[in-house]
Amino acid sequence: MSAAHPVPSTASDAVWKALADPTRRQLLDELRRGPRTTGDLCGLFAMTRFGVMKHLRQLEEAGLLLIERRGRERWNHLNPTPIREIYRRWIRPFEEEGADQLLQLKRVAERGVAAKPTRKKTR
């Protein structure tokens, strides 16, 4: 039996992992409205500052955050580029016209099966 070969990690793996957590998605939603200080973000969540910082660190490692230091403040800016790259690679190819037509055909077929009347046997 041969040893398993590890799958090489890609930059998009870190983005998927970061997006998998609901708290990190909420943080990104907040940052879509504009840059926020770490203190502001910590005030929005019912967790410790340390907990919020862990989430911010993972977002930063995935390239989803850009950090700007202004004196003692740390400003967090959303970097949408990694999400856009995932969209181009994984979402857009699946929303092409052919996929839409197949979904429409599926709906028509399912409606036809459900709406098909049963015929009574005649003598």
PDB file of N, CA and C in Angstrom:
ATOM      1  N   MET A   1       0.852  -1.173   0.000  1.00  0.00           N
ATOM      2  CA  MET A   1       0.000   0.000   0.000  1.00  0.00           C
ATOM      3  C   MET A   1       0.893   1.230   0.000  1.00  0.00           C
ATOM      4  N   SER A   2       0.668   2.148  -0.930  1.00  0.00           N
ATOM      5  CA  SER A   2       1.518   3.332  -1.030  1.00  0.00           C
ATOM      6  C   SER A   2       1.001   4.451  -0.138  1.00  0.00           C
ATOM      7  N   ALA A   3       1.912   5.312   0.270  1.00  0.00           N
ATOM      8  CA  ALA A   3       1.537   6.448   1.111  1.00  0.00           C
ATOM      9  C   ALA A   3       0.743   7.442   0.285  1.00  0.00           C
ATOM     10  N   ALA A   4      -0.221   8.066   0.923  1.00  0.00           N
ATOM     11  CA  ALA A   4      -1.047   9.058   0.227  1.00  0.00           C
ATOM     12  C   ALA A   4      -0.224  10.297  -0.058  1.00  0.00           C
ATOM     13  N   HIS A   5      -0.423  10.844  -1.227  1.00  0.00           N
ATOM     14  CA  HIS A   5       0.267  12.078  -1.598  1.00  0.00           C
ATOM     15  C   HIS A   5      -0.588  13.259  -1.170  1.00  0.00           C
ATOM     16  N   PRO A   6      -0.022  14.187  -0.409  1.00  0.00           N
ATOM     17  CA  PRO A   6      -0.827  15.333   0.004  1.00  0.00           C
ATOM     18  C   PRO A   6      -1.170  16.212  -1.202  1.00  0.00           C
ATOM     19  N   VAL A   7      -2.380  16.726  -1.178  1.00  0.00           N
ATOM     20  CA  VAL A   7      -2.812  17.637  -2.233  1.00  0.00           C
ATOM     21  C   VAL A   7      -2.184  18.992  -1.960  1.00  0.00           C
ATOM     22  N   PRO A   8      -1.517  19.587  -2.959  1.00  0.00           N
ATOM     23  CA  PRO A   8      -0.891  20.880  -2.722  1.00  0.00           C
ATOM     24  C   PRO A   8      -1.938  21.942  -2.389  1.00  0.00           C
ATOM     25  N   SER A   9      -1.622  22.767  -1.440  1.00  0.00           N
ATOM     26  CA  SER A   9      -2.517  23.834  -1.020  1.00  0.00           C
ATOM     27  C   SER A   9      -2.378  25.007  -1.977  1.00  0.00           C
ATOM     28  N   THR A  10      -3.476  25.636  -2.264  1.00  0.00           N
ATOM     29  CA  THR A  10      -3.456  26.807  -3.126  1.00  0.00           C
ATOM     30  C   THR A  10      -3.935  28.020  -2.348  1.00  0.00           C
ATOM     31  N   ALA A  11      -3.743  29.183  -2.935  1.00  0.00           N
ATOM     32  CA  ALA A  11      -4.198  30.410  -2.284  1.00  0.00           C
ATOM     33  C   ALA A  11      -5.714  30.389  -2.100  1.00  0.00           C
ATOM     34  N   SER A  12      -6.426  29.789  -3.052  1.00  0.00           N
ATOM     35  CA  SER A  12      -7.884  29.772  -2.916  1.00  0.00           C
ATOM     36  C   SER A  12      -8.340  28.874  -1.768  1.00  0.00           C
ATOM     37  N   ASP A  13      -7.522  27.887  -1.376  1.00  0.00           N
ATOM     38  CA  ASP A  13      -7.885  27.051  -0.222  1.00  0.00           C
ATOM     39  C   ASP A  13      -8.028  27.903   1.036  1.00  0.00           C
ATOM     40  N   ALA A  14      -7.120  28.852   1.225  1.00  0.00           N
ATOM     41  CA  ALA A  14      -7.178  29.725   2.399  1.00  0.00           C
ATOM     42  C   ALA A  14      -8.418  30.609   2.349  1.00  0.00           C
ATOM     43  N   VAL A  15      -8.805  31.032   1.160  1.00  0.00           N
ATOM     44  CA  VAL A  15     -10.008  31.868   1.029  1.00  0.00           C
ATOM     45  C   VAL A  15     -11.251  31.051   1.359  1.00  0.00           C
ATOM     46  N   TRP A  16     -11.332  29.839   0.799  1.00  0.00           N
ATOM     47  CA  TRP A  16     -12.485  28.972   1.110  1.00  0.00           C
ATOM     48  C   TRP A  16     -12.575  28.707   2.608  1.00  0.00           C
ATOM     49  N   LYS A  17     -11.437  28.429   3.224  1.00  0.00           N
ATOM     50  CA  LYS A  17     -11.420  28.165   4.669  1.00  0.00           C
ATOM     51  C   LYS A  17     -11.876  29.393   5.444  1.00  0.00           C
ATOM     52  N   ALA A  18     -11.416  30.562   5.031  1.00  0.00           N
ATOM     53  CA  ALA A  18     -11.819  31.796   5.709  1.00  0.00           C
ATOM     54  C   ALA A  18     -13.318  32.049   5.544  1.00  0.00           C
ATOM     55  N   LEU A  19     -13.852  31.779   4.369  1.00  0.00           N
ATOM     56  CA  LEU A  19     -15.267  32.020   4.104  1.00  0.00           C
ATOM     57  C   LEU A  19     -16.178  30.981   4.757  1.00  0.00           C
ATOM     58  N   ALA A  20     -15.609  29.880   5.195  1.00  0.00           N
ATOM     59  CA  ALA A  20     -16.417  28.802   5.778  1.00  0.00           C
ATOM     60  C   ALA A  20     -17.011  29.170   7.136  1.00  0.00           C
ATOM     61  N   ASP A  21     -16.448  30.153   7.795  1.00  0.00           N
ATOM     62  CA  ASP A  21     -16.899  30.495   9.148  1.00  0.00           C
ATOM     63  C   ASP A  21     -17.891  31.662   9.116  1.00  0.00           C
ATOM     64  N   PRO A  22     -19.046  31.526   9.775  1.00  0.00           N
ATOM     65  CA  PRO A  22     -20.048  32.598   9.742  1.00  0.00           C
ATOM     66  C   PRO A  22     -19.571  33.908  10.377  1.00  0.00           C
ATOM     67  N   THR A  23     -18.753  33.839  11.414  1.00  0.00           N
ATOM     68  CA  THR A  23     -18.238  35.065  12.031  1.00  0.00           C
ATOM     69  C   THR A  23     -17.339  35.815  11.052  1.00  0.00           C
ATOM     70  N   ARG A  24     -16.506  35.104  10.330  1.00  0.00           N
ATOM     71  CA  ARG A  24     -15.635  35.763   9.350  1.00  0.00           C
ATOM     72  C   ARG A  24     -16.448  36.354   8.207  1.00  0.00           C
ATOM     73  N   ARG A  25     -17.515  35.669   7.816  1.00  0.00           N
ATOM     74  CA  ARG A  25     -18.379  36.238   6.775  1.00  0.00           C
ATOM     75  C   ARG A  25     -19.049  37.511   7.270  1.00  0.00           C
ATOM     76  N   GLN A  26     -19.450  37.533   8.538  1.00  0.00           N
ATOM     77  CA  GLN A  26     -20.037  38.745   9.115  1.00  0.00           C
ATOM     78  C   GLN A  26     -19.016  39.885   9.140  1.00  0.00           C
ATOM     79  N   LEU A  27     -17.784  39.568   9.497  1.00  0.00           N
ATOM     80  CA  LEU A  27     -16.735  40.583   9.484  1.00  0.00           C
ATOM     81  C   LEU A  27     -16.560  41.163   8.079  1.00  0.00           C
ATOM     82  N   LEU A  28     -16.559  40.310   7.074  1.00  0.00           N
ATOM     83  CA  LEU A  28     -16.432  40.780   5.695  1.00  0.00           C
ATOM     84  C   LEU A  28     -17.628  41.640   5.296  1.00  0.00           C
ATOM     85  N   ASP A  29     -18.820  41.257   5.734  1.00  0.00           N
ATOM     86  CA  ASP A  29     -20.006  42.069   5.450  1.00  0.00           C
ATOM     87  C   ASP A  29     -19.866  43.465   6.059  1.00  0.00           C
ATOM     88  N   GLU A  30     -19.352  43.525   7.270  1.00  0.00           N
ATOM     89  CA  GLU A  30     -19.134  44.830   7.912  1.00  0.00           C
ATOM     90  C   GLU A  30     -18.123  45.656   7.127  1.00  0.00           C
ATOM     91  N   LEU A  31     -17.072  45.013   6.662  1.00  0.00           N
ATOM     92  CA  LEU A  31     -16.017  45.737   5.942  1.00  0.00           C
ATOM     93  C   LEU A  31     -16.445  46.130   4.528  1.00  0.00           C
ATOM     94  N   ARG A  32     -17.477  45.506   3.995  1.00  0.00           N
ATOM     95  CA  ARG A  32     -18.010  45.950   2.694  1.00  0.00           C
ATOM     96  C   ARG A  32     -18.575  47.350   2.798  1.00  0.00           C
ATOM     97  N   ARG A  33     -19.025  47.730   3.978  1.00  0.00           N
ATOM     98  CA  ARG A  33     -19.580  49.071   4.194  1.00  0.00           C
ATOM     99  C   ARG A  33     -18.484  50.128   4.278  1.00  0.00           C
ATOM    100  N   GLY A  34     -17.245  49.667   4.495  1.00  0.00           N
ATOM    101  CA  GLY A  34     -16.122  50.584   4.578  1.00  0.00           C
ATOM    102  C   GLY A  34     -15.120  50.112   5.609  1.00  0.00           C
ATOM    103  N   PRO A  35     -13.926  50.695   5.596  1.00  0.00           N
ATOM    104  CA  PRO A  35     -12.884  50.299   6.552  1.00  0.00           C
ATOM    105  C   PRO A  35     -13.341  50.537   7.987  1.00  0.00           C
ATOM    106  N   ARG A  36     -12.899  49.657   8.872  1.00  0.00           N
ATOM    107  CA  ARG A  36     -13.247  49.772  10.299  1.00  0.00           C
ATOM    108  C   ARG A  36     -11.999  49.503  11.122  1.00  0.00           C
ATOM    109  N   THR A  37     -11.955  50.120  12.278  1.00  0.00           N
ATOM    110  CA  THR A  37     -10.851  49.820  13.193  1.00  0.00           C
ATOM    111  C   THR A  37     -11.125  48.471  13.848  1.00  0.00           C
ATOM    112  N   THR A  38     -10.067  47.877  14.339  1.00  0.00           N
ATOM    113  CA  THR A  38     -10.224  46.595  15.035  1.00  0.00           C
ATOM    114  C   THR A  38     -11.110  46.773  16.258  1.00  0.00           C
ATOM    115  N   GLY A  39     -10.955  47.876  16.960  1.00  0.00           N
ATOM    116  CA  GLY A  39     -11.804  48.146  18.121  1.00  0.00           C
ATOM    117  C   GLY A  39     -13.275  48.222  17.757  1.00  0.00           C
ATOM    118  N   ASP A  40     -13.589  48.891  16.650  1.00  0.00           N
ATOM    119  CA  ASP A  40     -14.983  48.960  16.188  1.00  0.00           C
ATOM    120  C   ASP A  40     -15.530  47.570  15.904  1.00  0.00           C
ATOM    121  N   LEU A  41     -14.742  46.770  15.212  1.00  0.00           N
ATOM    122  CA  LEU A  41     -15.186  45.415  14.866  1.00  0.00           C
ATOM    123  C   LEU A  41     -15.374  44.564  16.113  1.00  0.00           C
ATOM    124  N   CYS A  42     -14.493  44.709  17.075  1.00  0.00           N
ATOM    125  CA  CYS A  42     -14.608  43.924  18.314  1.00  0.00           C
ATOM    126  C   CYS A  42     -15.902  44.261  19.053  1.00  0.00           C
ATOM    127  N   GLY A  43     -16.329  45.512  18.973  1.00  0.00           N
ATOM    128  CA  GLY A  43     -17.550  45.926  19.643  1.00  0.00           C
ATOM    129  C   GLY A  43     -18.817  45.351  19.036  1.00  0.00           C
ATOM    130  N   LEU A  44     -18.731  44.798  17.848  1.00  0.00           N
ATOM    131  CA  LEU A  44     -19.907  44.266  17.160  1.00  0.00           C
ATOM    132  C   LEU A  44     -20.209  42.812  17.496  1.00  0.00           C
ATOM    133  N   PHE A  45     -19.273  42.133  18.126  1.00  0.00           N
ATOM    134  CA  PHE A  45     -19.416  40.698  18.350  1.00  0.00           C
ATOM    135  C   PHE A  45     -19.400  40.367  19.832  1.00  0.00           C
ATOM    136  N   ALA A  46     -20.190  39.370  20.191  1.00  0.00           N
ATOM    137  CA  ALA A  46     -20.269  38.914  21.577  1.00  0.00           C
ATOM    138  C   ALA A  46     -19.173  37.884  21.830  1.00  0.00           C
ATOM    139  N   MET A  47     -17.929  38.328  21.674  1.00  0.00           N
ATOM    140  CA  MET A  47     -16.779  37.474  21.953  1.00  0.00           C
ATOM    141  C   MET A  47     -15.645  38.367  22.403  1.00  0.00           C
ATOM    142  N   THR A  48     -14.606  37.751  22.886  1.00  0.00           N
ATOM    143  CA  THR A  48     -13.458  38.525  23.360  1.00  0.00           C
ATOM    144  C   THR A  48     -12.726  39.178  22.196  1.00  0.00           C
ATOM    145  N   ARG A  49     -11.943  40.181  22.525  1.00  0.00           N
ATOM    146  CA  ARG A  49     -11.105  40.838  21.508  1.00  0.00           C
ATOM    147  C   ARG A  49     -10.148  39.811  20.888  1.00  0.00           C
ATOM    148  N   PHE A  50      -9.635  38.927  21.734  1.00  0.00           N
ATOM    149  CA  PHE A  50      -8.736  37.875  21.244  1.00  0.00           C
ATOM    150  C   PHE A  50      -9.437  37.011  20.192  1.00  0.00           C
ATOM    151  N   GLY A  51     -10.708  36.662  20.431  1.00  0.00           N
ATOM    152  CA  GLY A  51     -11.464  35.847  19.484  1.00  0.00           C
ATOM    153  C   GLY A  51     -11.655  36.556  18.151  1.00  0.00           C
ATOM    154  N   VAL A  52     -12.011  37.838  18.200  1.00  0.00           N
ATOM    155  CA  VAL A  52     -12.188  38.611  16.966  1.00  0.00           C
ATOM    156  C   VAL A  52     -10.852  38.724  16.235  1.00  0.00           C
ATOM    157  N   MET A  53      -9.782  38.950  16.978  1.00  0.00           N
ATOM    158  CA  MET A  53      -8.455  39.079  16.364  1.00  0.00           C
ATOM    159  C   MET A  53      -8.043  37.790  15.650  1.00  0.00           C
ATOM    160  N   LYS A  54      -8.407  36.629  16.214  1.00  0.00           N
ATOM    161  CA  LYS A  54      -8.106  35.356  15.547  1.00  0.00           C
ATOM    162  C   LYS A  54      -8.789  35.280  14.186  1.00  0.00           C
ATOM    163  N   HIS A  55     -10.045  35.705  14.143  1.00  0.00           N
ATOM    164  CA  HIS A  55     -10.781  35.702  12.880  1.00  0.00           C
ATOM    165  C   HIS A  55     -10.169  36.696  11.893  1.00  0.00           C
ATOM    166  N   LEU A  56      -9.817  37.871  12.375  1.00  0.00           N
ATOM    167  CA  LEU A  56      -9.208  38.869  11.502  1.00  0.00           C
ATOM    168  C   LEU A  56      -7.870  38.376  10.954  1.00  0.00           C
ATOM    169  N   ARG A  57      -7.122  37.691  11.777  1.00  0.00           N
ATOM    170  CA  ARG A  57      -5.831  37.155  11.337  1.00  0.00           C
ATOM    171  C   ARG A  57      -6.023  36.129  10.215  1.00  0.00           C
ATOM    172  N   GLN A  58      -7.033  35.286  10.354  1.00  0.00           N
ATOM    173  CA  GLN A  58      -7.284  34.291   9.304  1.00  0.00           C
ATOM    174  C   GLN A  58      -7.732  34.974   8.006  1.00  0.00           C
ATOM    175  N   LEU A  59      -8.538  36.012   8.112  1.00  0.00           N
ATOM    176  CA  LEU A  59      -8.945  36.762   6.922  1.00  0.00           C
ATOM    177  C   LEU A  59      -7.741  37.439   6.265  1.00  0.00           C
ATOM    178  N   GLU A  60      -6.845  37.957   7.091  1.00  0.00           N
ATOM    179  CA  GLU A  60      -5.640  38.599   6.569  1.00  0.00           C
ATOM    180  C   GLU A  60      -4.739  37.578   5.864  1.00  0.00           C
ATOM    181  N   GLU A  61      -4.572  36.410   6.468  1.00  0.00           N
ATOM    182  CA  GLU A  61      -3.736  35.359   5.872  1.00  0.00           C
ATOM    183  C   GLU A  61      -4.307  34.874   4.534  1.00  0.00           C
ATOM    184  N   ALA A  62      -5.634  34.942   4.386  1.00  0.00           N
ATOM    185  CA  ALA A  62      -6.275  34.540   3.139  1.00  0.00           C
ATOM    186  C   ALA A  62      -6.227  35.658   2.095  1.00  0.00           C
ATOM    187  N   GLY A  63      -5.712  36.816   2.493  1.00  0.00           N
ATOM    188  CA  GLY A  63      -5.614  37.942   1.571  1.00  0.00           C
ATOM    189  C   GLY A  63      -6.893  38.743   1.442  1.00  0.00           C
ATOM    190  N   LEU A  64      -7.859  38.486   2.319  1.00  0.00           N
ATOM    191  CA  LEU A  64      -9.141  39.174   2.252  1.00  0.00           C
ATOM    192  C   LEU A  64      -9.149  40.513   2.995  1.00  0.00           C
ATOM    193  N   LEU A  65      -8.116  40.759   3.779  1.00  0.00           N
ATOM    194  CA  LEU A  65      -7.992  42.017   4.526  1.00  0.00           C
ATOM    195  C   LEU A  65      -6.693  42.707   4.178  1.00  0.00           C
ATOM    196  N   LEU A  66      -6.760  44.009   4.104  1.00  0.00           N
ATOM    197  CA  LEU A  66      -5.569  44.842   4.009  1.00  0.00           C
ATOM    198  C   LEU A  66      -5.542  45.676   5.277  1.00  0.00           C
ATOM    199  N   ILE A  67      -4.401  45.710   5.925  1.00  0.00           N
ATOM    200  CA  ILE A  67      -4.269  46.393   7.210  1.00  0.00           C
ATOM    201  C   ILE A  67      -3.519  47.703   7.018  1.00  0.00           C
ATOM    202  N   GLU A  68      -4.054  48.743   7.643  1.00  0.00           N
ATOM    203  CA  GLU A  68      -3.405  50.053   7.629  1.00  0.00           C
ATOM    204  C   GLU A  68      -3.268  50.507   9.077  1.00  0.00           C
ATOM    205  N   ARG A  69      -2.077  50.896   9.446  1.00  0.00           N
ATOM    206  CA  ARG A  69      -1.854  51.381  10.814  1.00  0.00           C
ATOM    207  C   ARG A  69      -1.819  52.905  10.793  1.00  0.00           C
ATOM    208  N   ARG A  70      -2.635  53.498  11.647  1.00  0.00           N
ATOM    209  CA  ARG A  70      -2.665  54.947  11.831  1.00  0.00           C
ATOM    210  C   ARG A  70      -2.431  55.210  13.306  1.00  0.00           C
ATOM    211  N   GLY A  71      -1.207  55.518  13.630  1.00  0.00           N
ATOM    212  CA  GLY A  71      -0.880  55.686  15.051  1.00  0.00           C
ATOM    213  C   GLY A  71      -1.111  54.395  15.787  1.00  0.00           C
ATOM    214  N   ARG A  72      -1.951  54.441  16.820  1.00  0.00           N
ATOM    215  CA  ARG A  72      -2.246  53.237  17.604  1.00  0.00           C
ATOM    216  C   ARG A  72      -3.399  52.435  17.029  1.00  0.00           C
ATOM    217  N   GLU A  73      -4.069  52.978  16.018  1.00  0.00           N
ATOM    218  CA  GLU A  73      -5.225  52.293  15.453  1.00  0.00           C
ATOM    219  C   GLU A  73      -4.817  51.383  14.300  1.00  0.00           C
ATOM    220  N   ARG A  74      -5.535  50.295  14.217  1.00  0.00           N
ATOM    221  CA  ARG A  74      -5.357  49.345  13.112  1.00  0.00           C
ATOM    222  C   ARG A  74      -6.652  49.373  12.308  1.00  0.00           C
ATOM    223  N   TRP A  75      -6.559  49.843  11.072  1.00  0.00           N
ATOM    224  CA  TRP A  75      -7.712  49.913  10.188  1.00  0.00           C
ATOM    225  C   TRP A  75      -7.724  48.691   9.276  1.00  0.00           C
ATOM    226  N   ASN A  76      -8.872  48.070   9.188  1.00  0.00           N
ATOM    227  CA  ASN A  76      -9.065  46.872   8.380  1.00  0.00           C
ATOM    228  C   ASN A  76      -9.849  47.253   7.133  1.00  0.00           C
ATOM    229  N   HIS A  77      -9.292  46.945   5.980  1.00  0.00           N
ATOM    230  CA  HIS A  77      -9.921  47.224   4.690  1.00  0.00           C
ATOM    231  C   HIS A  77     -10.211  45.900   4.001  1.00  0.00           C
ATOM    232  N   LEU A  78     -11.374  45.803   3.391  1.00  0.00           N
ATOM    233  CA  LEU A  78     -11.720  44.616   2.617  1.00  0.00           C
ATOM    234  C   LEU A  78     -10.913  44.581   1.325  1.00  0.00           C
ATOM    235  N   ASN A  79     -10.361  43.430   1.012  1.00  0.00           N
ATOM    236  CA  ASN A  79      -9.709  43.201  -0.282  1.00  0.00           C
ATOM    237  C   ASN A  79     -10.573  42.178  -1.025  1.00  0.00           C
ATOM    238  N   PRO A  80     -11.426  42.621  -1.953  1.00  0.00           N
ATOM    239  CA  PRO A  80     -12.344  41.700  -2.622  1.00  0.00           C
ATOM    240  C   PRO A  80     -11.710  40.860  -3.733  1.00  0.00           C
ATOM    241  N   THR A  81     -10.459  41.107  -4.057  1.00  0.00           N
ATOM    242  CA  THR A  81      -9.819  40.413  -5.180  1.00  0.00           C
ATOM    243  C   THR A  81      -9.848  38.888  -5.040  1.00  0.00           C
ATOM    244  N   PRO A  82      -9.497  38.304  -3.890  1.00  0.00           N
ATOM    245  CA  PRO A  82      -9.546  36.834  -3.800  1.00  0.00           C
ATOM    246  C   PRO A  82     -10.946  36.259  -4.012  1.00  0.00           C
ATOM    247  N   ILE A  83     -11.971  36.975  -3.558  1.00  0.00           N
ATOM    248  CA  ILE A  83     -13.341  36.497  -3.756  1.00  0.00           C
ATOM    249  C   ILE A  83     -13.697  36.579  -5.238  1.00  0.00           C
ATOM    250  N   ARG A  84     -13.258  37.626  -5.877  1.00  0.00           N
ATOM    251  CA  ARG A  84     -13.502  37.779  -7.312  1.00  0.00           C
ATOM    252  C   ARG A  84     -12.837  36.641  -8.088  1.00  0.00           C
ATOM    253  N   GLU A  85     -11.632  36.265  -7.688  1.00  0.00           N
ATOM    254  CA  GLU A  85     -10.940  35.168  -8.356  1.00  0.00           C
ATOM    255  C   GLU A  85     -11.696  33.846  -8.185  1.00  0.00           C
ATOM    256  N   ILE A  86     -12.239  33.625  -6.998  1.00  0.00           N
ATOM    257  CA  ILE A  86     -13.044  32.419  -6.765  1.00  0.00           C
ATOM    258  C   ILE A  86     -14.306  32.465  -7.622  1.00  0.00           C
ATOM    259  N   TYR A  87     -14.911  33.628  -7.702  1.00  0.00           N
ATOM    260  CA  TYR A  87     -16.100  33.776  -8.539  1.00  0.00           C
ATOM    261  C   TYR A  87     -15.779  33.403  -9.989  1.00  0.00           C
ATOM    262  N   ARG A  88     -14.687  33.954 -10.491  1.00  0.00           N
ATOM    263  CA  ARG A  88     -14.316  33.673 -11.887  1.00  0.00           C
ATOM    264  C   ARG A  88     -14.016  32.196 -12.109  1.00  0.00           C
ATOM    265  N   ARG A  89     -13.383  31.544 -11.154  1.00  0.00           N
ATOM    266  CA  ARG A  89     -12.987  30.141 -11.317  1.00  0.00           C
ATOM    267  C   ARG A  89     -14.130  29.170 -11.043  1.00  0.00           C
ATOM    268  N   TRP A  90     -14.931  29.439 -10.000  1.00  0.00           N
ATOM    269  CA  TRP A  90     -15.880  28.435  -9.537  1.00  0.00           C
ATOM    270  C   TRP A  90     -17.351  28.788  -9.747  1.00  0.00           C
ATOM    271  N   ILE A  91     -17.713  30.048  -9.784  1.00  0.00           N
ATOM    272  CA  ILE A  91     -19.129  30.409  -9.867  1.00  0.00           C
ATOM    273  C   ILE A  91     -19.554  30.708 -11.299  1.00  0.00           C
ATOM    274  N   ARG A  92     -18.851  31.615 -11.943  1.00  0.00           N
ATOM    275  CA  ARG A  92     -19.249  32.054 -13.280  1.00  0.00           C
ATOM    276  C   ARG A  92     -19.363  30.894 -14.277  1.00  0.00           C
ATOM    277  N   PRO A  93     -18.433  29.937 -14.306  1.00  0.00           N
ATOM    278  CA  PRO A  93     -18.584  28.847 -15.287  1.00  0.00           C
ATOM    279  C   PRO A  93     -19.864  28.037 -15.105  1.00  0.00           C
ATOM    280  N   PHE A  94     -20.399  28.021 -13.887  1.00  0.00           N
ATOM    281  CA  PHE A  94     -21.594  27.235 -13.623  1.00  0.00           C
ATOM    282  C   PHE A  94     -22.878  28.010 -13.853  1.00  0.00           C
ATOM    283  N   GLU A  95     -22.775  29.299 -14.116  1.00  0.00           N
ATOM    284  CA  GLU A  95     -23.975  30.083 -14.346  1.00  0.00           C
ATOM    285  C   GLU A  95     -24.149  30.434 -15.819  1.00  0.00           C
ATOM    286  N   GLU A  96     -23.452  29.738 -16.667  1.00  0.00           N
ATOM    287  CA  GLU A  96     -23.560  29.976 -18.104  1.00  0.00           C
ATOM    288  C   GLU A  96     -24.952  29.617 -18.602  1.00  0.00           C
ATOM    289  N   GLU A  97     -25.234  30.034 -19.804  1.00  0.00           N
ATOM    290  CA  GLU A  97     -26.551  29.836 -20.400  1.00  0.00           C
ATOM    291  C   GLU A  97     -26.968  28.368 -20.392  1.00  0.00           C
ATOM    292  N   GLY A  98     -26.046  27.475 -20.683  1.00  0.00           N
ATOM    293  CA  GLY A  98     -26.385  26.053 -20.709  1.00  0.00           C
ATOM    294  C   GLY A  98     -26.887  25.559 -19.368  1.00  0.00           C
ATOM    295  N   ALA A  99     -26.252  26.009 -18.294  1.00  0.00           N
ATOM    296  CA  ALA A  99     -26.685  25.596 -16.962  1.00  0.00           C
ATOM    297  C   ALA A  99     -28.080  26.144 -16.655  1.00  0.00           C
ATOM    298  N   ASP A 100     -28.340  27.385 -17.051  1.00  0.00           N
ATOM    299  CA  ASP A 100     -29.664  27.973 -16.835  1.00  0.00           C
ATOM    300  C   ASP A 100     -30.727  27.205 -17.616  1.00  0.00           C
ATOM    301  N   GLN A 101     -30.397  26.821 -18.847  1.00  0.00           N
ATOM    302  CA  GLN A 101     -31.356  26.068 -19.654  1.00  0.00           C
ATOM    303  C   GLN A 101     -31.642  24.702 -19.044  1.00  0.00           C
ATOM    304  N   LEU A 102     -30.618  24.061 -18.498  1.00  0.00           N
ATOM    305  CA  LEU A 102     -30.832  22.761 -17.856  1.00  0.00           C
ATOM    306  C   LEU A 102     -31.718  22.894 -16.620  1.00  0.00           C
ATOM    307  N   LEU A 103     -31.526  23.945 -15.850  1.00  0.00           N
ATOM    308  CA  LEU A 103     -32.383  24.162 -14.678  1.00  0.00           C
ATOM    309  C   LEU A 103     -33.826  24.409 -15.101  1.00  0.00           C
ATOM    310  N   GLN A 104     -34.000  25.170 -16.164  1.00  0.00           N
ATOM    311  CA  GLN A 104     -35.349  25.435 -16.658  1.00  0.00           C
ATOM    312  C   GLN A 104     -36.002  24.136 -17.151  1.00  0.00           C
ATOM    313  N   LEU A 105     -35.249  23.333 -17.870  1.00  0.00           N
ATOM    314  CA  LEU A 105     -35.759  22.048 -18.352  1.00  0.00           C
ATOM    315  C   LEU A 105     -36.142  21.152 -17.171  1.00  0.00           C
ATOM    316  N   LYS A 106     -35.328  21.143 -16.147  1.00  0.00           N
ATOM    317  CA  LYS A 106     -35.610  20.340 -14.952  1.00  0.00           C
ATOM    318  C   LYS A 106     -36.929  20.783 -14.314  1.00  0.00           C
ATOM    319  N   ARG A 107     -37.138  22.109 -14.193  1.00  0.00           N
ATOM    320  CA  ARG A 107     -38.386  22.614 -13.608  1.00  0.00           C
ATOM    321  C   ARG A 107     -39.595  22.213 -14.448  1.00  0.00           C
ATOM    322  N   VAL A 108     -39.466  22.324 -15.772  1.00  0.00           N
ATOM    323  CA  VAL A 108     -40.572  21.949 -16.663  1.00  0.00           C
ATOM    324  C   VAL A 108     -40.869  20.458 -16.534  1.00  0.00           C
ATOM    325  N   ALA A 109     -39.822  19.640 -16.527  1.00  0.00           N
ATOM    326  CA  ALA A 109     -40.015  18.194 -16.419  1.00  0.00           C
ATOM    327  C   ALA A 109     -40.653  17.812 -15.092  1.00  0.00           C
ATOM    328  N   GLU A 110     -40.209  18.429 -14.007  1.00  0.00           N
ATOM    329  CA  GLU A 110     -40.779  18.117 -12.691  1.00  0.00           C
ATOM    330  C   GLU A 110     -42.234  18.566 -12.601  1.00  0.00           C
ATOM    331  N   ARG A 111     -42.533  19.693 -13.193  1.00  0.00           N
ATOM    332  CA  ARG A 111     -43.902  20.187 -13.202  1.00  0.00           C
ATOM    333  C   ARG A 111     -44.779  19.252 -14.032  1.00  0.00           C
ATOM    334  N   GLY A 112     -44.257  18.783 -15.145  1.00  0.00           N
ATOM    335  CA  GLY A 112     -45.005  17.881 -16.021  1.00  0.00           C
ATOM    336  C   GLY A 112     -45.320  16.561 -15.353  1.00  0.00           C
ATOM    337  N   VAL A 113     -44.392  16.020 -14.598  1.00  0.00           N
ATOM    338  CA  VAL A 113     -44.604  14.751 -13.898  1.00  0.00           C
ATOM    339  C   VAL A 113     -45.646  14.932 -12.811  1.00  0.00           C
ATOM    340  N   ALA A 114     -45.571  16.012 -12.080  1.00  0.00           N
ATOM    341  CA  ALA A 114     -46.500  16.252 -10.985  1.00  0.00           C
ATOM    342  C   ALA A 114     -47.895  16.587 -11.507  1.00  0.00           C
ATOM    343  N   ALA A 115     -47.973  17.264 -12.647  1.00  0.00           N
ATOM    344  CA  ALA A 115     -49.257  17.703 -13.163  1.00  0.00           C
ATOM    345  C   ALA A 115     -49.910  16.685 -14.099  1.00  0.00           C
ATOM    346  N   LYS A 116     -49.241  15.610 -14.440  1.00  0.00           N
ATOM    347  CA  LYS A 116     -49.738  14.629 -15.398  1.00  0.00           C
ATOM    348  C   LYS A 116     -50.931  13.898 -14.803  1.00  0.00           C
ATOM    349  N   PRO A 117     -52.101  14.022 -15.442  1.00  0.00           N
ATOM    350  CA  PRO A 117     -53.304  13.360 -14.887  1.00  0.00           C
ATOM    351  C   PRO A 117     -53.239  11.845 -15.123  1.00  0.00           C
ATOM    352  N   THR A 118     -53.842  11.129 -14.230  1.00  0.00           N
ATOM    353  CA  THR A 118     -53.928   9.680 -14.401  1.00  0.00           C
ATOM    354  C   THR A 118     -55.176   9.370 -15.203  1.00  0.00           C
ATOM    355  N   ARG A 119     -55.060   8.441 -16.121  1.00  0.00           N
ATOM    356  CA  ARG A 119     -56.210   8.087 -16.969  1.00  0.00           C
ATOM    357  C   ARG A 119     -56.923   6.883 -16.388  1.00  0.00           C
ATOM    358  N   LYS A 120     -58.234   6.945 -16.466  1.00  0.00           N
ATOM    359  CA  LYS A 120     -59.035   5.812 -16.009  1.00  0.00           C
ATOM    360  C   LYS A 120     -59.076   4.775 -17.105  1.00  0.00           C
ATOM    361  N   LYS A 121     -59.103   3.531 -16.705  1.00  0.00           N
ATOM    362  CA  LYS A 121     -59.195   2.465 -17.681  1.00  0.00           C
ATOM    363  C   LYS A 121     -60.637   2.403 -18.215  1.00  0.00           C
ATOM    364  N   THR A 122     -60.732   2.244 -19.529  1.00  0.00           N
ATOM    365  CA  THR A 122     -62.063   2.104 -20.130  1.00  0.00           C
ATOM    366  C   THR A 122     -62.276   0.632 -20.494  1.00  0.00           C
ATOM    367  N   ARG A 123     -63.519   0.241 -20.564  1.00  0.00           N
ATOM    368  CA  ARG A 123     -63.804  -1.156 -20.886  1.00  0.00           C
ATOM    369  C   ARG A 123     -63.619  -1.476 -22.280  1.00  0.00           C
TER     370      ARG A 123
END
